[in-house]
Amino acid sequence: MSLDDRIPNNVDLSSDRRLQKALEQWQPKFQEWWMDMGPEGFQAKDVYLRTATSVERDGWATFDYVKMPDYRWGIFLTPEEPGRPVGFGDMIDQPSFEEVPGEFRNSLRRLIVTQGDTEPASVEQQRLLGQTCPSLYDLRNLFQVNVEEGRHLWAMVYLLHRYFGRDGREEGDELLARRSGNADKPRILEAFNQPINDWLSFFCFTMLVDRDGKYQLAALAESGFSPLRRTTQFMLTEEAHHLFVGETGLGRVIRRSAQLRRESDGQEAKVGGIPLETIQRYITHWYSYALDLFGSEISSNAADFFSSGLKGRYHEASKYSEHSAKDQFQEIPIIENGRVTMKQVPLRNAMNEVLREEYIRDTERAVRNWNKIIKEENVNFEILLPHRRFHRHQGEYAGHGFTFDGSPLPDAASYQAELAKTLPTARDREIVQSVMTPVTKPGQMAHWIAPPTKGINDQALDFEYVRLN
C-alpha cells in the first residue's frame, strides 16, 4: 500500500522523499502508542466512524464501520488563499510565509508542540471510559473524539517533520513519550494530567477543555504561517463535534438529574441519578482548569506571538477593524498586597485574557441553555460558573485564595474551606462511580442520562453504532 493510501493527504506526501521516510518511521511508533494507550478493550470492534478523506464537503465526513487501529489518520490543509497577507501584528500586510523564518522558529515550534501534546493526552485520559459507556451512541461518540484527536496529532507532527527538521522529528517522538498523569514525564498542560474516570468528567472535559481548544485553534487559524493556519482551519471542522458531545452530553445529564429530582423529592442519588449539586461541582473543577489553559493574564509570550503574526485573536480578520494592537491598553485585575487592583496593560500583553473572555462568553451561553433545561423540568436549581479568579493554578491569581464569586480570602484555611464546598468531594465521586454501569444494547440509555434528540448521520437511536459481538 502506498503512503498516500495509508495516510490520506492533500500535501503531496509521495513527492517528498525525506518527509515520506520520516513519517514512515514515525507511523509504527504512533500505532504502538495507539494500541498501548488508545481505548482499552475495543480495538478489534467495528465502530461507525466519520473519516476525513479530503477537505471538500463530500470528503471530510465519510461514515462507515472501521476498526480503530485501521482508521486512516490523514493530513489535510484547507486550500491556500492566493495573495493572503499576514493579517495582524508588526508584519501586517506582508506576504504570508510558507517556510519558517529563523527568528520565529522557536516560537512556532513551541506553539505547535504545545497544541500537539494535548491531542494524545486526551486519548490517554479517556482510554478506560468505554468500559462504562451509558449507551452505544455515547460509546461511538467517545471513539470518534479519540480517533480525531489522533488525527490532530498527525496534523501537528506533519508540521514538525516538514518544517523543523531533526528538531521536529525529536519533538514528534516526544509527543508519544509523555503520558497523561505520569509523575516522571507528564503532559505539558496540567488539565491534560487530570484523571477522567467517569462519563460526567468526560462530558465536562469535552465541553470545557476542548472548548479552550476551539479558541486556541481559531487564534492559530489567523496565523501568518500559512501551513499552520490552513491546518488548524481544518481541525476546527472536526473539533466542533467534540464540543457538541460535551455540551449536549452535559445537557442530557442535567435534564435527567432534574427529572429524577422532581420525581424523588430531591433525592436523585437514591434513585440512581447524579445530584445537580454534584454536576455543579464537576463543572467548577473542570472550568477552572480550562481557564488556566489560556495562560497568564499578562504575558510577554502572547505579545510576541501577536507581534510576529503567529497567533491572532479569535476571528481576528472578521471581528476587528484595527489589527496592530499598538498603543492600545486593557485593564487587568491583579493582586497587590492581598487586594484586587486594576492595572493598565498594553493590549498585546493581554492577548491571553482577550481570548479567555471570548471563551467565558461562549461558556456562559451554554450554561444559560442548561438552566433553561432545568426550568423546563420545573426544578428550582441554577448552574453557575465560578469567577475566573477561583481555583487558578496559572497566571495572576495562582497562589491566591478566592471565593467561588471571586472575592479574596484572608488565609489558606479559609480557601481550603471554600474548596471543600465547591469542588467535587469523595462522596460526589462515589455517587458518580456508582452509576457508571455499561449499557450496550442498541437504543437503550443508562438511567442517569437522557437520550439525545437524534442519532448520528441521520441514523436511528437504536442503530448499532458499535458492533460488540
Protein backbone atom coordinates (compact mmCIF):
# COMPACT_ATOMS: atom_id res chain seq x y z
CA MET A 1 0.00 0.00 0.00
CA SER A 2 1.38 3.42 -0.96
CA LEU A 3 1.99 6.14 1.63
CA ASP A 4 -0.87 8.19 0.17
CA ASP A 5 -3.19 5.20 0.65
CA ARG A 6 -2.09 4.67 4.25
CA ILE A 7 -2.09 8.40 5.08
CA PRO A 8 -4.78 10.30 3.12
CA ASN A 9 -3.44 13.78 2.45
CA ASN A 10 -3.57 16.81 0.24
CA VAL A 11 0.05 17.85 0.83
CA ASP A 12 1.60 15.63 -1.87
CA LEU A 13 3.46 13.42 0.60
CA SER A 14 4.62 10.98 -2.05
CA SER A 15 6.73 13.63 -3.80
CA ASP A 16 8.81 14.50 -0.72
CA ARG A 17 11.10 11.52 -0.12
CA ARG A 18 12.70 12.88 3.07
CA LEU A 19 9.36 13.69 4.64
CA GLN A 20 7.91 10.38 3.47
CA LYS A 21 10.76 8.49 5.12
CA ALA A 22 10.39 10.42 8.37
CA LEU A 23 6.64 9.78 8.58
CA GLU A 24 7.07 6.12 7.63
CA GLN A 25 9.41 5.80 10.61
CA TRP A 26 7.01 7.68 12.92
CA GLN A 27 3.86 5.82 11.87
CA PRO A 28 4.67 2.47 13.59
CA LYS A 29 5.56 4.38 16.76
CA PHE A 30 2.15 6.03 16.61
CA GLN A 31 0.43 2.69 16.03
CA GLU A 32 2.26 1.18 19.01
CA TRP A 33 1.22 4.14 21.17
CA TRP A 34 -2.40 3.80 19.97
CA MET A 35 -2.54 0.10 20.84
CA ASP A 36 -0.97 0.75 24.26
CA MET A 37 -2.81 3.94 25.20
CA GLY A 38 -5.91 4.08 23.00
CA PRO A 39 -9.39 2.82 24.01
CA GLU A 40 -8.83 -0.34 26.04
CA GLY A 41 -10.83 -3.40 25.10
CA PHE A 42 -12.34 -2.11 21.86
CA GLN A 43 -9.53 -2.12 19.30
CA ALA A 44 -10.98 -5.08 17.40
CA LYS A 45 -14.57 -3.76 17.32
CA ASP A 46 -16.29 -2.22 14.31
CA VAL A 47 -17.22 1.39 15.06
CA TYR A 48 -19.44 3.63 12.93
CA LEU A 49 -16.91 6.42 12.43
CA ARG A 50 -16.57 9.57 10.40
CA THR A 51 -13.33 9.66 8.41
CA ALA A 52 -11.85 12.63 6.59
CA THR A 53 -10.58 11.75 3.11
CA SER A 54 -10.40 15.31 1.74
CA VAL A 55 -11.23 18.88 2.71
CA GLU A 56 -14.13 19.00 0.28
CA ARG A 57 -17.71 18.91 1.54
CA ASP A 58 -18.27 15.37 0.24
CA GLY A 59 -14.92 14.05 1.50
CA TRP A 60 -14.28 15.27 5.01
CA ALA A 61 -17.15 13.32 6.60
CA THR A 62 -17.31 9.79 5.19
CA PHE A 63 -19.22 7.40 7.52
CA ASP A 64 -18.64 3.65 7.72
CA TYR A 65 -17.71 0.86 10.12
CA VAL A 66 -14.00 0.93 10.92
CA LYS A 67 -11.77 -0.84 13.41
CA MET A 68 -9.94 1.96 15.18
CA PRO A 69 -6.38 0.69 14.53
CA ASP A 70 -7.30 0.73 10.81
CA TYR A 71 -8.59 4.30 10.91
CA ARG A 72 -6.97 6.35 8.15
CA TRP A 73 -5.41 9.24 10.03
CA GLY A 74 -4.84 11.84 7.35
CA ILE A 75 -3.07 15.16 6.85
CA PHE A 76 -5.23 17.92 5.45
CA LEU A 77 -4.76 21.63 4.88
CA THR A 78 -7.53 23.90 3.67
CA PRO A 79 -6.86 25.43 0.23
CA GLU A 80 -4.44 28.34 0.18
CA GLU A 81 -5.88 31.79 -0.35
CA PRO A 82 -3.65 33.26 -3.08
CA GLY A 83 -2.08 36.52 -2.09
CA ARG A 84 -3.35 36.45 1.50
CA PRO A 85 -1.09 38.68 3.62
CA VAL A 86 -0.27 38.47 7.31
CA GLY A 87 -3.33 39.95 8.98
CA PHE A 88 -2.04 41.42 12.24
CA GLY A 89 0.95 42.47 14.32
CA ASP A 90 4.16 44.06 13.10
CA MET A 91 4.12 42.04 9.86
CA ILE A 92 0.65 43.12 8.84
CA ASP A 93 0.10 43.24 5.06
CA GLN A 94 3.37 41.41 4.35
CA PRO A 95 3.00 38.14 2.39
CA SER A 96 2.11 35.08 4.44
CA PHE A 97 5.15 32.87 4.93
CA GLU A 98 5.31 29.30 3.63
CA GLU A 99 8.55 28.47 5.40
CA VAL A 100 9.58 29.18 8.99
CA PRO A 101 11.52 32.44 9.39
CA GLY A 102 14.60 31.85 11.52
CA GLU A 103 13.64 34.46 14.09
CA PHE A 104 10.26 32.76 14.66
CA ARG A 105 11.50 29.19 14.71
CA ASN A 106 11.46 28.63 18.48
CA SER A 107 8.13 30.41 18.99
CA LEU A 108 6.42 28.46 16.24
CA ARG A 109 7.79 25.15 17.42
CA ARG A 110 6.59 25.91 20.94
CA LEU A 111 3.07 26.68 19.72
CA ILE A 112 2.89 23.52 17.62
CA VAL A 113 4.35 21.23 20.29
CA THR A 114 2.03 22.58 23.00
CA GLN A 115 -1.03 22.10 20.79
CA GLY A 116 0.21 18.70 19.62
CA ASP A 117 0.75 17.47 23.17
CA THR A 118 -2.91 17.96 24.06
CA GLU A 119 -4.13 15.55 21.38
CA PRO A 120 -2.64 12.23 22.57
CA ALA A 121 -3.08 13.35 26.18
CA SER A 122 -6.86 13.38 25.96
CA VAL A 123 -6.89 9.91 24.37
CA GLU A 124 -4.82 8.64 27.31
CA GLN A 125 -7.14 10.30 29.83
CA GLN A 126 -10.21 8.66 28.25
CA ARG A 127 -8.84 5.20 27.44
CA LEU A 128 -10.92 3.28 30.02
CA LEU A 129 -14.25 5.06 29.57
CA GLY A 130 -15.59 2.59 27.01
CA GLN A 131 -15.98 0.02 29.77
CA THR A 132 -18.71 2.09 31.48
CA CYS A 133 -20.48 3.61 28.46
CA PRO A 134 -24.07 4.86 29.05
CA SER A 135 -25.13 3.80 25.52
CA LEU A 136 -23.75 2.67 22.16
CA TYR A 137 -24.48 6.18 20.87
CA ASP A 138 -22.17 7.66 23.54
CA LEU A 139 -19.58 4.92 23.06
CA ARG A 140 -19.36 5.74 19.38
CA ASN A 141 -19.03 9.46 20.14
CA LEU A 142 -16.19 8.75 22.56
CA PHE A 143 -14.33 6.79 19.90
CA GLN A 144 -14.98 9.49 17.28
CA VAL A 145 -13.40 12.05 19.58
CA ASN A 146 -10.47 9.70 20.21
CA VAL A 147 -9.62 8.98 16.58
CA GLU A 148 -9.93 12.65 15.65
CA GLU A 149 -7.57 13.62 18.45
CA GLY A 150 -5.22 11.09 16.87
CA ARG A 151 -5.66 12.79 13.50
CA HIS A 152 -4.95 16.18 15.05
CA LEU A 153 -1.74 14.72 16.46
CA TRP A 154 -0.83 13.68 12.92
CA ALA A 155 -1.52 17.23 11.75
CA MET A 156 0.92 18.70 14.26
CA VAL A 157 3.55 16.03 13.66
CA TYR A 158 3.39 16.73 9.93
CA LEU A 159 4.23 20.38 10.62
CA LEU A 160 7.09 19.41 12.94
CA HIS A 161 8.57 16.92 10.46
CA ARG A 162 8.06 19.10 7.38
CA TYR A 163 9.30 22.42 8.73
CA PHE A 164 11.63 21.77 11.69
CA GLY A 165 13.99 19.03 10.50
CA ARG A 166 15.75 16.93 13.12
CA ASP A 167 14.41 19.06 15.98
CA GLY A 168 10.88 18.49 14.69
CA ARG A 169 11.38 14.73 14.41
CA GLU A 170 12.63 14.58 18.00
CA GLU A 171 9.63 16.64 19.17
CA GLY A 172 7.32 14.26 17.31
CA ASP A 173 8.81 11.31 19.19
CA GLU A 174 8.43 13.16 22.50
CA LEU A 175 4.72 13.63 21.82
CA LEU A 176 4.40 9.86 22.04
CA ALA A 177 6.76 9.51 25.02
CA ARG A 178 4.95 11.74 27.52
CA ARG A 179 1.97 10.28 29.39
CA SER A 180 -1.06 11.92 30.96
CA GLY A 181 -0.68 11.98 34.74
CA ASN A 182 2.76 10.36 34.72
CA ALA A 183 4.82 11.66 37.64
CA ASP A 184 8.11 11.47 35.73
CA LYS A 185 7.02 12.54 32.25
CA PRO A 186 3.62 14.25 32.41
CA ARG A 187 1.83 16.12 29.65
CA ILE A 188 2.76 19.79 29.25
CA LEU A 189 -0.53 21.36 30.43
CA GLU A 190 -1.99 20.38 33.79
CA ALA A 191 -5.59 19.98 32.60
CA PHE A 192 -4.33 17.10 30.47
CA ASN A 193 -2.90 15.33 33.52
CA GLN A 194 -6.22 15.32 35.38
CA PRO A 195 -7.88 11.88 35.60
CA ILE A 196 -11.08 11.18 33.65
CA ASN A 197 -12.55 8.17 35.41
CA ASP A 198 -16.23 8.65 34.65
CA TRP A 199 -18.54 9.98 31.94
CA LEU A 200 -19.52 13.12 33.82
CA SER A 201 -15.84 14.11 33.74
CA PHE A 202 -15.71 13.21 30.04
CA PHE A 203 -18.66 15.45 29.20
CA CYS A 204 -17.17 18.27 31.31
CA PHE A 205 -13.82 17.81 29.57
CA THR A 206 -15.21 17.86 26.02
CA MET A 207 -17.43 20.81 26.88
CA LEU A 208 -14.92 22.92 28.80
CA VAL A 209 -11.36 21.82 27.97
CA ASP A 210 -11.99 21.04 24.29
CA ARG A 211 -13.71 24.44 24.10
CA ASP A 212 -10.40 26.00 25.04
CA GLY A 213 -9.02 24.07 22.06
CA LYS A 214 -11.60 25.73 19.83
CA TYR A 215 -10.31 29.19 20.76
CA GLN A 216 -6.64 28.25 20.60
CA LEU A 217 -7.11 26.68 17.16
CA ALA A 218 -9.13 29.66 15.96
CA ALA A 219 -6.35 32.03 17.06
CA LEU A 220 -3.79 29.89 15.20
CA ALA A 221 -6.11 29.78 12.18
CA GLU A 222 -5.34 33.51 11.77
CA SER A 223 -1.59 32.86 11.66
CA GLY A 224 0.73 34.39 9.11
CA PHE A 225 2.46 30.99 8.86
CA SER A 226 0.29 29.60 6.10
CA PRO A 227 0.71 25.83 6.80
CA LEU A 228 -0.29 26.30 10.44
CA ARG A 229 -3.24 28.49 9.52
CA ARG A 230 -4.54 26.05 6.93
CA THR A 231 -4.01 23.02 9.18
CA THR A 232 -5.88 24.48 12.16
CA GLN A 233 -8.73 25.75 9.98
CA PHE A 234 -9.49 22.16 9.02
CA MET A 235 -9.01 20.89 12.57
CA LEU A 236 -11.79 23.26 13.66
CA THR A 237 -14.30 21.43 11.44
CA GLU A 238 -13.66 18.24 13.44
CA GLU A 239 -13.37 19.99 16.81
CA ALA A 240 -16.99 21.15 16.52
CA HIS A 241 -18.18 17.57 17.08
CA HIS A 242 -16.14 17.28 20.27
CA LEU A 243 -17.82 20.41 21.65
CA PHE A 244 -21.22 19.05 20.59
CA VAL A 245 -20.53 15.83 22.52
CA GLY A 246 -19.65 17.78 25.66
CA GLU A 247 -22.36 20.42 25.59
CA THR A 248 -25.22 18.09 24.68
CA GLY A 249 -23.87 15.33 26.92
CA LEU A 250 -23.92 17.61 29.96
CA GLY A 251 -27.33 18.88 28.90
CA ARG A 252 -28.66 15.32 28.82
CA VAL A 253 -27.22 14.54 32.28
CA ILE A 254 -28.67 17.77 33.66
CA ARG A 255 -32.11 17.04 32.18
CA ARG A 256 -32.19 13.52 33.62
CA SER A 257 -30.98 14.68 37.02
CA ALA A 258 -33.68 17.37 37.06
CA GLN A 259 -36.31 14.79 36.16
CA LEU A 260 -35.14 12.43 38.89
CA ARG A 261 -35.01 15.27 41.42
CA ARG A 262 -38.61 16.17 40.67
CA GLU A 263 -39.73 12.54 40.80
CA SER A 264 -37.86 11.71 44.01
CA ASP A 265 -38.43 14.90 46.01
CA GLY A 266 -34.80 15.96 45.78
CA GLN A 267 -33.25 12.54 46.35
CA GLU A 268 -31.92 11.79 42.86
CA ALA A 269 -28.87 9.92 44.18
CA LYS A 270 -31.19 7.43 45.92
CA VAL A 271 -32.94 6.60 42.62
CA GLY A 272 -29.80 6.12 40.54
CA GLY A 273 -29.21 9.67 39.37
CA ILE A 274 -26.45 12.25 39.76
CA PRO A 275 -27.37 15.18 42.05
CA LEU A 276 -27.39 18.58 40.39
CA GLU A 277 -25.06 19.82 43.14
CA THR A 278 -22.54 17.16 42.12
CA ILE A 279 -22.79 18.22 38.47
CA GLN A 280 -22.19 21.81 39.59
CA ARG A 281 -19.03 20.84 41.46
CA TYR A 282 -17.68 18.86 38.50
CA ILE A 283 -18.28 21.84 36.19
CA THR A 284 -16.49 24.11 38.68
CA HIS A 285 -13.46 21.81 38.76
CA TRP A 286 -13.05 21.47 35.01
CA TYR A 287 -13.88 25.11 34.22
CA SER A 288 -11.11 26.40 36.48
CA TYR A 289 -8.56 24.12 34.82
CA ALA A 290 -9.81 25.17 31.38
CA LEU A 291 -9.28 28.84 32.28
CA ASP A 292 -5.66 28.05 33.16
CA LEU A 293 -5.07 26.78 29.62
CA PHE A 294 -5.18 30.31 28.21
CA GLY A 295 -2.03 31.25 30.11
CA SER A 296 -1.17 34.25 32.22
CA GLU A 297 -3.36 37.36 32.07
CA ILE A 298 -0.24 39.45 31.40
CA SER A 299 2.09 37.67 29.01
CA SER A 300 5.18 38.71 27.05
CA ASN A 301 4.91 35.46 25.06
CA ALA A 302 1.39 36.35 23.96
CA ALA A 303 2.65 39.77 22.89
CA ASP A 304 5.49 38.20 20.90
CA PHE A 305 3.15 35.70 19.18
CA PHE A 306 0.84 38.53 18.14
CA SER A 307 3.52 40.99 17.04
CA SER A 308 5.18 38.25 14.95
CA GLY A 309 1.92 37.44 13.18
CA LEU A 310 1.91 33.87 14.55
CA LYS A 311 -1.23 33.85 16.71
CA GLY A 312 -4.08 36.30 16.41
CA ARG A 313 -7.28 36.99 18.26
CA TYR A 314 -10.45 34.94 17.84
CA HIS A 315 -11.81 35.81 14.38
CA GLU A 316 -9.11 38.45 14.00
CA ALA A 317 -9.81 39.11 10.31
CA SER A 318 -13.59 39.46 10.58
CA LYS A 319 -14.17 40.80 14.09
CA TYR A 320 -11.60 43.58 14.37
CA SER A 321 -11.04 46.67 12.26
CA GLU A 322 -7.64 47.56 13.75
CA HIS A 323 -5.09 44.75 13.66
CA SER A 324 -1.83 46.16 15.01
CA ALA A 325 -2.98 46.42 18.67
CA LYS A 326 -0.34 49.09 19.14
CA ASP A 327 -0.80 51.98 21.56
CA GLN A 328 -3.87 50.25 23.00
CA PHE A 329 -4.37 49.09 26.55
CA GLN A 330 -6.59 46.81 28.57
CA GLU A 331 -7.28 46.91 32.27
CA ILE A 332 -6.43 43.67 34.06
CA PRO A 333 -7.34 42.97 37.70
CA ILE A 334 -4.18 41.98 39.60
CA ILE A 335 -3.40 41.22 43.23
CA GLU A 336 -1.36 43.74 45.22
CA ASN A 337 -0.95 43.45 48.97
CA GLY A 338 -3.81 40.98 49.11
CA ARG A 339 -6.22 43.32 47.31
CA VAL A 340 -7.64 43.27 43.79
CA THR A 341 -6.50 46.35 41.90
CA MET A 342 -6.72 47.34 38.25
CA LYS A 343 -3.60 47.58 36.10
CA GLN A 344 -3.46 49.09 32.63
CA VAL A 345 -1.59 46.66 30.38
CA PRO A 346 -0.52 47.03 26.73
CA LEU A 347 -3.15 45.19 24.70
CA ARG A 348 -0.60 42.89 23.11
CA ASN A 349 0.41 41.65 26.55
CA ALA A 350 -3.25 40.98 27.36
CA MET A 351 -3.98 38.73 24.35
CA ASN A 352 -4.41 35.64 26.54
CA GLU A 353 -7.09 37.47 28.50
CA VAL A 354 -8.79 38.68 25.31
CA LEU A 355 -9.07 35.05 24.17
CA ARG A 356 -10.19 33.91 27.63
CA GLU A 357 -13.01 36.46 27.61
CA GLU A 358 -14.31 35.04 24.31
CA TYR A 359 -14.27 31.58 25.89
CA ILE A 360 -16.11 32.76 29.00
CA ARG A 361 -18.90 34.36 26.96
CA ASP A 362 -19.33 31.16 24.94
CA THR A 363 -19.43 29.02 28.08
CA GLU A 364 -21.95 31.36 29.71
CA ARG A 365 -24.19 30.83 26.68
CA ALA A 366 -24.12 27.06 27.23
CA VAL A 367 -24.89 27.49 30.94
CA ARG A 368 -27.94 29.59 30.08
CA ASN A 369 -29.16 26.72 27.88
CA TRP A 370 -28.64 24.18 30.67
CA ASN A 371 -30.58 26.37 33.08
CA LYS A 372 -33.43 26.51 30.58
CA ILE A 373 -33.47 22.70 30.64
CA ILE A 374 -33.76 22.72 34.43
CA LYS A 375 -36.55 25.27 34.26
CA GLU A 376 -38.40 23.17 31.65
CA GLU A 377 -38.34 20.30 34.16
CA ASN A 378 -39.88 22.59 36.84
CA VAL A 379 -36.94 22.27 39.19
CA ASN A 380 -35.55 25.11 41.29
CA PHE A 381 -31.80 24.96 40.67
CA GLU A 382 -29.29 27.05 38.73
CA ILE A 383 -25.92 26.05 37.29
CA LEU A 384 -23.32 28.76 37.91
CA LEU A 385 -19.79 29.34 36.66
CA PRO A 386 -17.16 30.26 39.23
CA HIS A 387 -15.34 33.55 38.92
CA ARG A 388 -12.28 33.50 36.68
CA ARG A 389 -10.09 34.05 39.75
CA PHE A 390 -11.31 30.95 41.58
CA HIS A 391 -9.12 27.84 41.88
CA ARG A 392 -6.50 29.03 39.40
CA HIS A 393 -3.07 27.44 39.03
CA GLN A 394 -1.65 29.66 36.28
CA GLY A 395 -1.45 33.41 35.86
CA GLU A 396 -2.05 36.39 38.12
CA TYR A 397 -4.35 34.54 40.51
CA ALA A 398 -2.30 31.39 41.08
CA GLY A 399 -1.23 31.03 44.70
CA HIS A 400 -4.05 33.28 45.95
CA GLY A 401 -7.25 32.17 47.63
CA PHE A 402 -10.60 33.40 46.32
CA THR A 403 -14.22 32.55 46.93
CA PHE A 404 -16.38 31.00 44.23
CA ASP A 405 -17.55 34.56 43.45
CA GLY A 406 -14.00 35.91 43.15
CA SER A 407 -13.52 37.71 46.47
CA PRO A 408 -10.09 37.43 48.14
CA LEU A 409 -9.87 35.17 51.18
CA PRO A 410 -7.76 36.09 54.21
CA ASP A 411 -5.83 32.86 54.70
CA ALA A 412 -5.15 29.34 53.45
CA ALA A 413 -7.60 27.75 55.88
CA SER A 414 -10.45 29.87 54.54
CA TYR A 415 -9.50 28.94 51.00
CA GLN A 416 -9.41 25.22 51.80
CA ALA A 417 -12.85 25.51 53.36
CA GLU A 418 -14.12 27.19 50.18
CA LEU A 419 -12.64 24.44 48.01
CA ALA A 420 -14.29 21.79 50.19
CA LYS A 421 -17.69 23.39 49.49
CA THR A 422 -17.29 23.98 45.78
CA LEU A 423 -15.13 21.20 44.27
CA PRO A 424 -16.06 17.50 43.91
CA THR A 425 -15.92 15.62 47.19
CA ALA A 426 -15.09 11.98 47.76
CA ARG A 427 -18.83 11.41 48.21
CA ASP A 428 -19.56 13.09 44.86
CA ARG A 429 -17.12 10.79 43.12
CA GLU A 430 -18.58 7.75 44.85
CA ILE A 431 -22.07 8.70 43.66
CA VAL A 432 -20.91 9.20 40.09
CA GLN A 433 -18.94 5.95 40.07
CA SER A 434 -21.92 4.06 41.46
CA VAL A 435 -23.99 4.75 38.33
CA MET A 436 -21.22 4.02 35.83
CA THR A 437 -22.68 0.70 34.70
CA PRO A 438 -22.31 -0.06 30.98
CA VAL A 439 -25.39 -0.11 28.76
CA THR A 440 -24.64 -1.72 25.41
CA LYS A 441 -27.99 -2.74 23.91
CA PRO A 442 -28.81 -0.60 20.82
CA GLY A 443 -31.26 2.17 21.68
CA GLN A 444 -31.03 1.81 25.45
CA MET A 445 -29.66 4.52 27.77
CA ALA A 446 -28.27 4.42 31.27
CA HIS A 447 -30.73 5.53 33.94
CA TRP A 448 -28.72 8.67 34.81
CA ILE A 449 -28.70 10.29 31.34
CA ALA A 450 -31.48 11.41 29.00
CA PRO A 451 -31.47 10.20 25.38
CA PRO A 452 -30.20 12.51 22.63
CA THR A 453 -32.68 14.23 20.33
CA LYS A 454 -31.41 12.40 17.25
CA GLY A 455 -28.84 9.89 16.08
CA ILE A 456 -25.56 10.29 14.21
CA ASN A 457 -25.62 10.93 10.47
CA ASP A 458 -29.43 10.58 10.39
CA GLN A 459 -29.26 7.08 11.87
CA ALA A 460 -31.89 5.94 14.38
CA LEU A 461 -31.09 5.96 18.08
CA ASP A 462 -31.27 2.15 18.12
CA PHE A 463 -28.70 1.90 15.34
CA GLU A 464 -25.78 -0.41 16.18
CA TYR A 465 -23.16 2.33 16.46
CA VAL A 466 -20.56 -0.12 17.79
CA ARG A 467 -20.63 -3.81 16.94
CA LEU A 468 -19.61 -5.53 20.13
CA ASN A 469 -20.19 -9.12 19.00
